[in-house]
Amino acid sequence: MNTTDNSPMDKDVAFLRELMDEISDRARARGLTPEILESILNES
């Protein structure tokens, strides 16, 4: 598949990365650490 930097998929990927970065920043600001997240995800 041949894509360029301006393809709709590239724009979607860039948007998703920005969104995930914002979510990550907000989680860190609220005190969520990678260790806490891992603990939550490993709960049974």
Protein backbone atom coordinates (compact mmCIF):
# COMPACT_ATOMS: atom_id res chain seq x y z
CA MET A 1 0.00 0.00 0.00
CA ASN A 2 1.47 3.31 -1.07
CA THR A 3 0.56 6.19 1.23
CA THR A 4 1.71 9.77 1.44
CA ASP A 5 2.05 12.01 4.46
CA ASN A 6 -1.26 13.64 3.63
CA SER A 7 -3.36 10.51 3.23
CA PRO A 8 -6.54 10.24 5.29
CA MET A 9 -5.05 7.28 7.18
CA ASP A 10 -1.96 9.29 8.15
CA LYS A 11 -4.20 12.11 9.39
CA ASP A 12 -6.25 9.62 11.41
CA VAL A 13 -3.11 8.12 12.92
CA ALA A 14 -1.79 11.58 13.82
CA PHE A 15 -5.13 12.51 15.41
CA LEU A 16 -5.23 9.26 17.39
CA ARG A 17 -1.66 9.80 18.64
CA GLU A 18 -2.54 13.32 19.79
CA LEU A 19 -5.65 12.03 21.54
CA MET A 20 -3.76 9.23 23.29
CA ASP A 21 -1.04 11.68 24.37
CA GLU A 22 -3.70 13.97 25.86
CA ILE A 23 -5.31 11.07 27.72
CA SER A 24 -1.89 10.03 29.01
CA ASP A 25 -1.07 13.56 30.17
CA ARG A 26 -4.38 13.82 32.03
CA ALA A 27 -3.87 10.44 33.69
CA ARG A 28 -0.38 11.43 34.85
CA ALA A 29 -1.70 14.77 36.16
CA ARG A 30 -4.21 12.79 38.25
CA GLY A 31 -1.44 10.65 39.71
CA LEU A 32 -1.63 7.53 37.56
CA THR A 33 1.79 5.95 37.17
CA PRO A 34 2.80 3.06 34.92
CA GLU A 35 3.10 0.89 38.05
CA ILE A 36 -0.41 1.75 39.23
CA LEU A 37 -1.82 1.11 35.76
CA GLU A 38 -0.07 -2.26 35.59
CA SER A 39 -1.48 -3.17 39.01
CA ILE A 40 -5.00 -2.23 37.92
CA LEU A 41 -4.71 -4.21 34.69
CA ASN A 42 -3.38 -7.28 36.52
CA GLU A 43 -6.22 -7.42 39.07
CA SER A 44 -8.31 -10.55 38.84
